[in-house]
Protein backbone atom coordinates (compact mmCIF):
# COMPACT_ATOMS: atom_id res chain seq x y z
CA MET A 1 119.29 104.39 126.56
CA ALA A 2 122.95 104.57 125.57
CA THR A 3 123.83 105.76 122.11
CA THR A 4 124.54 102.87 119.74
CA GLU A 5 127.19 103.34 117.10
CA ILE A 6 126.20 101.62 113.83
CA LYS A 7 129.24 100.59 111.81
CA MET A 8 129.55 99.56 108.19
CA PRO A 9 128.94 95.78 108.31
CA GLN A 10 130.70 93.19 106.18
CA LEU A 11 127.82 92.24 103.92
CA SER A 12 129.74 89.62 101.88
CA ASP A 13 132.87 87.52 102.29
CA THR A 14 134.87 89.79 99.96
CA MET A 15 133.60 93.18 101.14
CA SER A 16 136.13 95.63 102.57
CA ALA A 17 134.18 98.85 101.98
CA GLY A 18 130.74 99.98 100.89
CA LYS A 19 129.33 103.08 99.25
CA ILE A 20 126.12 104.51 100.70
CA ILE A 21 123.67 104.76 97.80
CA ARG A 22 120.80 106.17 99.81
CA TRP A 23 119.49 106.33 103.35
CA LEU A 24 115.97 104.97 103.81
CA LYS A 25 115.71 106.54 107.27
CA LYS A 26 116.25 110.22 108.06
CA GLU A 27 117.83 111.88 111.05
CA GLY A 28 115.27 112.20 113.82
CA GLU A 29 113.15 109.35 112.47
CA LYS A 30 112.09 106.42 114.64
CA VAL A 31 113.83 103.11 113.92
CA SER A 32 112.61 99.65 114.90
CA ARG A 33 114.60 96.44 115.00
CA GLY A 34 114.48 94.89 111.54
CA ASP A 35 114.03 98.17 109.65
CA ILE A 36 116.25 98.80 106.63
CA LEU A 37 118.50 101.78 107.32
CA ALA A 38 120.31 102.23 104.02
CA GLU A 39 121.16 100.72 100.65
CA VAL A 40 124.86 100.06 100.08
CA GLU A 41 126.91 99.40 96.95
CA THR A 42 129.45 96.61 97.50
CA GLU A 43 131.90 94.77 95.28
CA LYS A 44 129.25 92.54 93.75
CA ALA A 45 125.78 94.00 94.31
CA ASN A 46 123.60 96.54 96.06
CA LEU A 47 122.74 95.30 99.56
CA GLU A 48 120.74 96.60 102.48
CA ILE A 49 121.82 97.46 106.03
CA GLU A 50 119.32 96.20 108.59
CA SER A 51 118.94 97.75 112.02
CA PHE A 52 119.34 95.45 115.01
CA HIS A 53 118.40 98.25 117.43
CA SER A 54 115.31 100.32 118.16
CA GLY A 55 115.31 104.05 118.90
CA THR A 56 115.79 107.29 117.00
CA LEU A 57 118.28 107.84 114.19
CA LEU A 58 120.24 110.63 115.87
CA LYS A 59 122.96 111.29 113.34
CA ILE A 60 124.10 110.12 109.89
CA TYR A 61 127.89 110.28 109.56
CA ALA A 62 128.20 108.77 106.07
CA PRO A 63 125.71 110.57 103.81
CA ASP A 64 124.64 109.43 100.35
CA GLY A 65 127.61 108.92 98.03
CA VAL A 66 130.21 108.35 100.75
CA THR A 67 132.31 105.19 100.82
CA ALA A 68 133.01 103.78 104.29
CA LYS A 69 135.32 100.94 105.17
CA VAL A 70 133.98 97.93 107.03
CA GLY A 71 133.93 98.84 110.73
CA GLU A 72 133.66 102.61 110.24
CA ILE A 73 130.81 104.41 112.03
CA ILE A 74 128.06 105.41 109.61
CA CYS A 75 125.29 106.51 112.00
CA ALA A 76 124.13 106.61 115.61
CA ILE A 77 120.86 105.39 117.17
CA GLY A 78 119.59 106.35 120.62
CA GLU A 79 116.89 108.29 122.44
CA ALA A 80 115.59 111.51 120.90
CA GLY A 81 117.60 114.48 122.17
CA GLU A 82 120.37 112.28 123.55
CA ALA A 83 123.88 113.74 123.46
CA LEU A 84 126.24 112.08 120.99
CA ASN A 85 129.56 110.65 122.05
CA ILE A 86 131.14 109.01 119.02
CA SER A 87 134.56 107.56 119.69
CA LYS A 88 135.73 107.30 116.08
CA PRO A 89 135.76 110.07 113.44
CA PRO A 90 133.19 109.49 110.70
CA PRO A 91 134.23 108.97 107.05
CA THR A 92 134.41 112.07 104.89
CA LYS A 93 133.18 112.49 101.36
CA PRO A 94 136.11 112.49 98.93
CA ASN A 95 136.71 115.23 96.38
CA LEU A 96 136.02 113.90 92.88
CA ILE A 97 139.40 115.04 91.55
CA GLN A 98 141.26 113.46 94.47
CA ALA A 99 139.21 110.29 94.59
CA SER A 100 141.37 108.32 92.19
CA SER A 101 144.52 108.98 94.20
CA SER A 102 142.98 108.12 97.55
CA VAL A 103 141.37 104.80 96.63
CA ASP A 104 142.98 101.66 98.00
CA PRO A 105 142.88 99.14 95.11
CA GLN A 106 142.29 96.37 97.64
CA SER A 107 139.22 98.08 99.12
CA GLU A 108 137.76 99.78 96.05
CA SER A 109 134.04 99.08 95.78
CA VAL A 110 132.55 97.66 92.57
CA ASP A 111 129.93 99.27 90.33
CA ASN A 112 126.48 98.08 91.29
CA LEU A 113 124.72 95.69 88.97
CA ARG A 114 122.51 98.41 87.56
CA SER A 115 125.45 100.57 86.37
CA LEU A 116 128.26 98.18 85.51
CA LYS A 117 129.34 100.19 82.48
CA THR A 118 129.58 103.58 84.22
CA PRO A 119 133.02 105.03 83.37
CA ARG A 120 135.36 106.32 86.00
CA VAL A 121 136.11 110.01 86.51
CA ALA A 122 138.52 111.07 83.78
CA PRO A 123 141.92 112.51 84.77
CA VAL A 124 142.13 116.31 84.92
CA VAL A 125 142.99 118.01 81.62
CA ARG A 126 145.79 120.56 81.65
CA ASP A 127 146.04 123.27 79.00
CA LEU A 128 149.71 122.74 78.19
CA PRO A 129 151.37 124.22 75.11
CA SER A 130 152.39 121.63 72.57
CA THR A 131 156.12 120.93 72.83
CA ARG A 132 156.28 117.82 70.67
CA ALA A 133 158.90 117.66 67.94
CA ASN A 134 157.76 114.28 66.65
CA ASP A 135 155.28 111.49 67.34
CA ALA A 136 157.59 109.84 69.85
CA ASP A 137 157.26 112.90 72.07
CA LYS A 138 153.64 111.92 72.71
CA PHE A 139 154.98 109.31 75.06
CA ASN A 140 157.81 111.15 76.78
CA GLY A 141 156.13 114.53 77.19
CA GLY A 142 158.31 116.39 74.69
CA SER A 143 161.71 117.95 75.24
CA ASN A 144 160.42 120.67 77.58
CA VAL A 145 157.89 118.67 79.63
CA ARG A 146 159.00 115.99 82.06
CA LEU A 147 156.29 113.49 82.90
CA LYS A 148 156.26 111.05 85.76
CA ILE A 149 154.76 107.82 84.46
CA SER A 150 154.91 104.14 85.34
CA PRO A 151 156.32 101.74 82.70
CA LEU A 152 153.01 99.88 82.42
CA ALA A 153 151.08 103.14 81.95
CA ARG A 154 153.58 104.27 79.29
CA LYS A 155 153.21 101.01 77.37
CA THR A 156 149.40 101.14 77.53
CA ALA A 157 149.41 104.76 76.34
CA GLN A 158 151.67 103.92 73.42
CA VAL A 159 149.37 101.12 72.28
CA ALA A 160 146.31 103.39 72.60
CA ASN A 161 148.06 106.41 70.99
CA LEU A 162 147.25 108.70 73.93
CA ASP A 163 148.79 112.14 74.33
CA LEU A 164 150.21 112.01 77.86
CA THR A 165 150.92 115.74 78.03
CA ARG A 166 147.20 116.36 78.54
CA LEU A 167 146.85 114.08 81.57
CA THR A 168 147.41 114.69 85.26
CA GLY A 169 148.44 111.58 87.14
CA SER A 170 146.76 110.32 90.29
CA GLY A 171 149.80 108.46 91.61
CA PRO A 172 152.35 109.69 94.17
CA GLY A 173 153.70 113.10 93.21
CA GLY A 174 151.37 113.34 90.23
CA ARG A 175 152.76 110.20 88.60
CA ILE A 176 150.62 108.84 85.76
CA ILE A 177 149.66 105.24 86.46
CA LYS A 178 147.70 102.60 84.57
CA ARG A 179 144.41 103.64 86.21
CA ASP A 180 144.75 107.13 84.66
CA ILE A 181 145.22 105.66 81.18
CA GLU A 182 142.19 103.40 81.60
CA SER A 183 140.11 106.35 82.82
CA ALA A 184 141.12 108.40 79.79
CA LEU A 185 140.14 105.56 77.48
CA SER A 186 136.72 105.19 79.11
CA SER A 187 136.11 108.98 78.95
CA PRO A 188 138.09 110.27 75.93
CA LEU A 189 139.59 113.73 76.32
CA PRO A 190 139.66 116.28 73.46
CA ASN A 191 142.08 115.36 70.66
CA GLN A 192 142.76 111.95 72.19
CA THR A 193 142.75 108.93 69.88
CA LYS A 194 141.19 105.78 71.33
CA THR A 195 141.50 103.31 68.47
CA ILE A 196 144.57 101.77 66.91
CA SER A 197 145.04 100.89 63.28
CA ASN A 198 145.77 97.23 62.67
CA HIS A 199 148.89 96.89 60.52
CA THR A 200 149.22 93.11 60.54
CA ALA A 201 150.10 91.38 57.31
CA GLY A 202 146.91 89.37 57.45
CA LEU A 203 144.93 92.45 56.39
CA SER A 204 146.36 92.52 52.89
CA ALA A 205 143.67 90.32 51.38
CA SER A 206 140.80 92.38 52.77
CA THR A 207 142.57 95.63 51.82
CA ASP A 208 143.00 94.45 48.23
CA SER A 209 139.28 93.74 48.04
CA GLY A 210 138.48 97.32 49.01
CA ALA A 211 137.61 96.62 52.64
CA ASN A 212 138.59 99.16 55.28
CA GLN A 213 141.30 98.35 57.77
CA SER A 214 139.95 96.87 60.97
CA ALA A 215 140.57 98.70 64.24
CA GLU A 216 141.58 97.41 67.64
CA SER A 217 140.42 99.03 70.87
CA LEU A 218 141.16 98.98 74.57
CA THR A 219 138.13 98.72 76.84
CA PRO A 220 138.74 99.30 80.55
CA LEU A 221 137.52 96.61 82.91
CA SER A 222 134.34 97.28 84.83
CA LYS A 223 134.97 97.46 88.55
CA MET A 224 133.22 94.13 89.06
CA ARG A 225 135.52 92.54 86.49
CA GLU A 226 138.52 94.16 88.21
CA VAL A 227 137.54 92.51 91.48
CA ILE A 228 137.07 89.14 89.78
CA ALA A 229 140.45 89.48 88.07
CA ARG A 230 142.17 90.45 91.31
CA ARG A 231 140.65 87.61 93.31
CA MET A 232 141.30 84.97 90.66
CA GLN A 233 144.93 86.11 90.41
CA GLU A 234 145.14 85.99 94.19
CA SER A 235 143.78 82.43 94.20
CA VAL A 236 146.09 80.95 91.58
CA THR A 237 149.08 82.80 93.04
CA GLN A 238 148.57 81.87 96.68
CA ALA A 239 146.81 78.49 96.51
CA PRO A 240 148.63 75.63 94.73
CA HIS A 241 145.78 73.95 92.84
CA PHE A 242 145.48 70.17 92.55
CA TYR A 243 142.90 68.57 90.24
CA LEU A 244 141.07 65.23 90.11
CA THR A 245 138.48 64.15 87.53
CA ALA A 246 135.92 61.36 87.73
CA THR A 247 133.29 60.06 85.31
CA ILE A 248 129.87 59.51 86.89
CA ASP A 249 127.00 57.37 85.64
CA MET A 250 123.87 59.54 85.85
CA GLU A 251 121.24 56.94 84.89
CA GLU A 252 119.82 56.57 88.42
CA VAL A 253 119.61 60.32 88.98
CA ILE A 254 117.85 60.76 85.65
CA LYS A 255 115.28 58.10 86.57
CA LEU A 256 114.72 59.59 90.03
CA ARG A 257 114.25 63.09 88.62
CA GLU A 258 111.76 61.86 86.04
CA THR A 259 109.73 60.31 88.86
CA LEU A 260 109.89 63.30 91.20
CA ILE A 261 108.94 66.02 88.69
CA LYS A 262 105.57 64.32 88.29
CA ASP A 263 104.82 65.90 91.67
CA GLU A 264 104.55 69.42 90.25
CA LYS A 265 103.61 70.96 93.57
CA ARG A 266 106.80 69.95 95.35
CA PHE A 267 109.35 69.44 92.57
CA ALA A 268 108.50 71.83 89.74
CA GLY A 269 111.81 73.12 88.37
CA LEU A 270 113.88 70.28 89.81
CA GLY A 271 117.09 69.98 87.79
CA TYR A 272 120.22 67.87 87.78
CA ASN A 273 122.16 70.62 89.53
CA HIS A 274 120.04 70.15 92.66
CA PHE A 275 121.19 66.53 92.83
CA ILE A 276 124.78 67.64 92.19
CA VAL A 277 124.63 70.14 95.08
CA LYS A 278 123.12 67.54 97.38
CA ALA A 279 125.68 64.90 96.38
CA CYS A 280 128.48 67.42 96.96
CA ALA A 281 127.20 68.06 100.48
CA TYR A 282 127.09 64.31 101.11
CA ALA A 283 130.72 64.00 99.97
CA LEU A 284 131.84 66.95 102.12
CA VAL A 285 130.29 65.38 105.21
CA LYS A 286 132.05 62.10 104.42
CA GLU A 287 135.37 63.87 103.74
CA PRO A 288 135.25 67.10 105.80
CA THR A 289 138.88 67.99 105.07
CA VAL A 290 137.77 69.23 101.63
CA ASN A 291 135.34 71.60 103.34
CA CYS A 292 138.23 73.34 105.15
CA ALA A 293 140.28 76.39 104.18
CA TYR A 294 143.77 77.79 104.71
CA ARG A 295 143.73 80.83 107.01
CA ASP A 296 146.66 82.63 108.64
CA GLY A 297 148.92 79.60 108.50
CA ALA A 298 146.31 77.27 109.99
CA ILE A 299 143.50 74.99 108.84
CA TYR A 300 140.08 76.56 109.29
CA SER A 301 137.26 74.03 109.82
CA PRO A 302 133.79 75.58 109.40
CA GLY A 303 130.88 74.35 111.43
CA ALA A 304 128.56 73.95 108.44
CA VAL A 305 128.37 72.80 104.83
CA ASN A 306 127.51 75.96 102.90
CA ILE A 307 127.80 75.57 99.13
CA GLY A 308 128.19 78.52 96.76
CA ILE A 309 126.66 78.18 93.31
CA ILE A 310 128.64 80.19 90.76
CA THR A 311 126.10 82.21 88.79
CA ALA A 312 126.73 84.23 85.63
CA ILE A 313 125.20 87.71 85.51
CA ASP A 314 125.65 90.63 83.13
CA GLY A 315 129.21 91.85 83.52
CA GLY A 316 130.50 89.17 85.87
CA LEU A 317 129.71 86.50 88.43
CA LEU A 318 127.96 86.15 91.77
CA ILE A 319 128.19 83.21 94.16
CA PRO A 320 124.97 82.88 96.17
CA VAL A 321 125.43 80.45 99.05
CA VAL A 322 123.03 77.68 100.10
CA LYS A 323 123.42 77.20 103.85
CA ASN A 324 123.49 73.81 105.64
CA VAL A 325 122.92 71.84 102.44
CA ASP A 326 123.56 68.52 104.19
CA LYS A 327 120.53 69.13 106.44
CA LEU A 328 118.10 70.20 103.70
CA SER A 329 115.57 67.90 102.09
CA LEU A 330 115.57 67.88 98.29
CA SER A 331 112.36 69.94 98.16
CA ASP A 332 113.81 72.49 100.61
CA LEU A 333 117.02 72.64 98.60
CA LEU A 334 114.97 73.31 95.46
CA PHE A 335 113.11 76.14 97.20
CA GLU A 336 116.27 77.73 98.64
CA THR A 337 118.29 77.64 95.42
CA LYS A 338 115.43 79.00 93.34
CA ALA A 339 115.04 82.02 95.63
CA LEU A 340 118.80 82.63 95.82
CA LEU A 341 119.36 82.48 92.07
CA GLU A 342 116.35 84.67 91.29
CA ARG A 343 117.64 87.39 93.62
CA ALA A 344 121.18 87.11 92.25
CA ARG A 345 120.13 87.30 88.59
CA SER A 346 117.83 90.24 89.24
CA GLY A 347 120.69 92.12 90.92
CA LYS A 348 118.97 92.18 94.32
CA PRO A 349 120.67 89.57 96.52
CA LEU A 350 120.42 89.80 100.28
CA ALA A 351 123.60 90.34 102.27
CA ALA A 352 123.31 86.82 103.72
CA ASP A 353 123.06 85.36 100.20
CA LEU A 354 126.71 86.13 99.39
CA SER A 355 128.47 85.23 102.62
CA GLY A 356 129.45 82.13 104.57
CA GLY A 357 130.38 79.83 101.69
CA THR A 358 132.67 76.87 102.53
CA PHE A 359 132.83 75.22 99.07
CA SER A 360 131.68 76.14 95.56
CA ILE A 361 130.24 74.46 92.46
CA SER A 362 130.55 75.64 88.85
CA ASN A 363 128.25 73.84 86.41
CA MET A 364 128.69 74.47 82.68
CA GLY A 365 126.79 71.44 81.47
CA MET A 366 124.06 73.62 79.96
CA PHE A 367 126.66 74.96 77.50
CA ASP A 368 127.50 71.47 76.25
CA VAL A 369 130.90 71.63 77.99
CA GLU A 370 132.28 68.15 78.61
CA ASN A 371 135.00 68.88 81.17
CA PHE A 372 136.88 71.83 82.68
CA THR A 373 138.79 72.95 85.76
CA ALA A 374 137.72 75.80 88.03
CA ILE A 375 139.69 78.28 90.15
CA ILE A 376 139.12 78.07 93.89
CA ASN A 377 137.14 80.93 95.42
CA PRO A 378 139.57 82.70 97.81
CA GLY A 379 138.82 81.80 101.41
CA GLN A 380 137.72 78.28 100.52
CA GLY A 381 139.62 75.02 100.08
CA GLY A 382 137.98 73.56 97.00
CA ILE A 383 135.62 73.93 94.07
CA LEU A 384 133.82 71.38 91.90
CA ALA A 385 133.55 71.86 88.11
CA VAL A 386 130.75 69.91 86.42
CA GLY A 387 130.27 69.25 82.71
CA GLY A 388 127.28 68.11 80.68
CA ILE A 389 125.61 64.70 80.64
CA LYS A 390 126.66 62.73 77.54
CA GLU A 391 125.42 59.44 76.15
CA GLU A 392 128.39 57.15 75.53
CA PRO A 393 129.22 53.46 75.40
CA ALA A 394 130.22 51.87 78.70
CA ALA A 395 130.87 48.37 80.05
CA VAL A 396 127.93 47.24 82.22
CA ALA A 397 127.87 43.71 83.67
CA GLY A 398 130.13 42.42 80.92
CA GLU A 399 128.19 44.11 78.11
CA ILE A 400 128.71 47.33 76.17
CA LYS A 401 125.71 49.62 76.60
CA LEU A 402 124.90 53.27 76.01
CA ARG A 403 124.93 55.13 79.33
CA ARG A 404 124.36 58.78 80.19
CA ARG A 405 127.45 59.94 82.03
CA MET A 406 128.98 63.14 83.35
CA LYS A 407 132.48 64.31 84.26
CA GLY A 408 133.27 66.24 87.42
CA THR A 409 136.61 67.80 88.36
CA VAL A 410 137.50 68.96 91.86
CA SER A 411 140.14 71.67 92.40
CA VAL A 412 141.63 71.72 95.90
CA ASP A 413 144.13 73.84 97.79
CA HIS A 414 147.12 71.50 98.05
CA ARG A 415 148.46 73.37 101.08
CA ILE A 416 145.85 71.68 103.27
CA ILE A 417 144.15 69.06 101.07
CA ASP A 418 146.15 66.08 99.83
CA GLY A 419 145.43 63.94 96.81
CA VAL A 420 143.98 61.10 98.88
CA MET A 421 141.53 63.47 100.59
CA ALA A 422 140.40 64.84 97.23
CA ALA A 423 140.10 61.31 95.84
CA LYS A 424 137.88 60.24 98.75
CA PHE A 425 135.69 63.27 98.16
CA MET A 426 135.29 62.41 94.49
CA ARG A 427 134.56 58.76 95.27
CA ASN A 428 131.81 59.76 97.69
CA PHE A 429 130.42 62.31 95.24
CA LYS A 430 130.31 59.64 92.53
CA ASP A 431 128.70 57.10 94.89
CA ALA A 432 125.96 59.55 95.87
CA LEU A 433 124.95 60.24 92.27
CA GLU A 434 125.15 56.62 91.15
CA ASN A 435 123.21 55.53 94.25
CA PRO A 436 120.93 58.51 95.04
CA ALA A 437 119.37 56.85 98.09
CA LEU A 438 122.65 57.53 99.94
CA MET A 439 121.94 61.27 99.87
CA PHE A 440 118.63 60.91 101.69
CA ILE A 441 119.43 58.38 104.40
């Protein structure tokens, strides 16, 4: 059989590179289709690489600890004793000292969920003689030491009271950049001060009473939080957001849920969010333009309704995706979402769990939030933000009655989705929840 080159797959929509945590198969070991080859650290979670080929694992080109970009060859499978003929050089393991200067910020992998607080490698310490004449020299390197430093790094160092003469930069030509300052703060070097005294006037009262001055601190972002920050900035910068809010009467959904949960075998754990996801799918089918996305100057129309459910985890967010929601029964939807969320919250999602989303939902009703707007997940055209169910007076058939109602706000990419399209989506979403039978016809 011909040698098969196994490349680093794209295990989630946002993945550009992955770090091999450990190989589960060894060189020379038999591999069957469906076997798990390796565990990989990606931007959001640890995921597994599955083999789609049978044979012998002839060679591992990306050993444990190596980061490979999507599409790079990581191993080869073929017949035992078969000669290798790999067309592309394998990735090489970076030197720890050089790693910070060779990382592409757009492809940097994120700490896995089990080690979100692991600090980065600290910049190299140089034993330089002190040349400072005054405190200001801490930030310009003294009269005899010329430091290359970015303005943002200089400002951050000043706030944190860091001695720059003891850092080696990882930027071009040894330039100190913001990443070096953050690394130093996460792994303090000898004689470096990490906290800052608070000198605001508001401290006078507590000082007079004998209390100690409070201290401020700078805590570097975890890599997961860096990715979230980068992608949210990308979304609000590139996609002009447009918002529409509607108030939905939830009385019929509440009655239907109360009836269905009596069937504990099929509907144990059924919540309002399951109806919200189903109603969203109904609205996307009715108004498919809101299920589209802007890609490379064109409108991308997916062939399915795959809804991501924004899920809070320690240190950040994951968006597990329920596939083909419009075709699922309510009991199947309950089963699928339960499994997805359990894997996400335990830090063990499957690769397929985090990819393929066409629209997202963020529900903060459990926190007693009434209304909010959400930022579109990059690569999608819209997101629905849902608040809590509130009892409030409403006009019903000419009378004022207490009704349990909920607010929902859709954010859409105005480059491809106009106000009328978003309004039709919200009208259909509202209709589905106020008349639940529509979702199951």
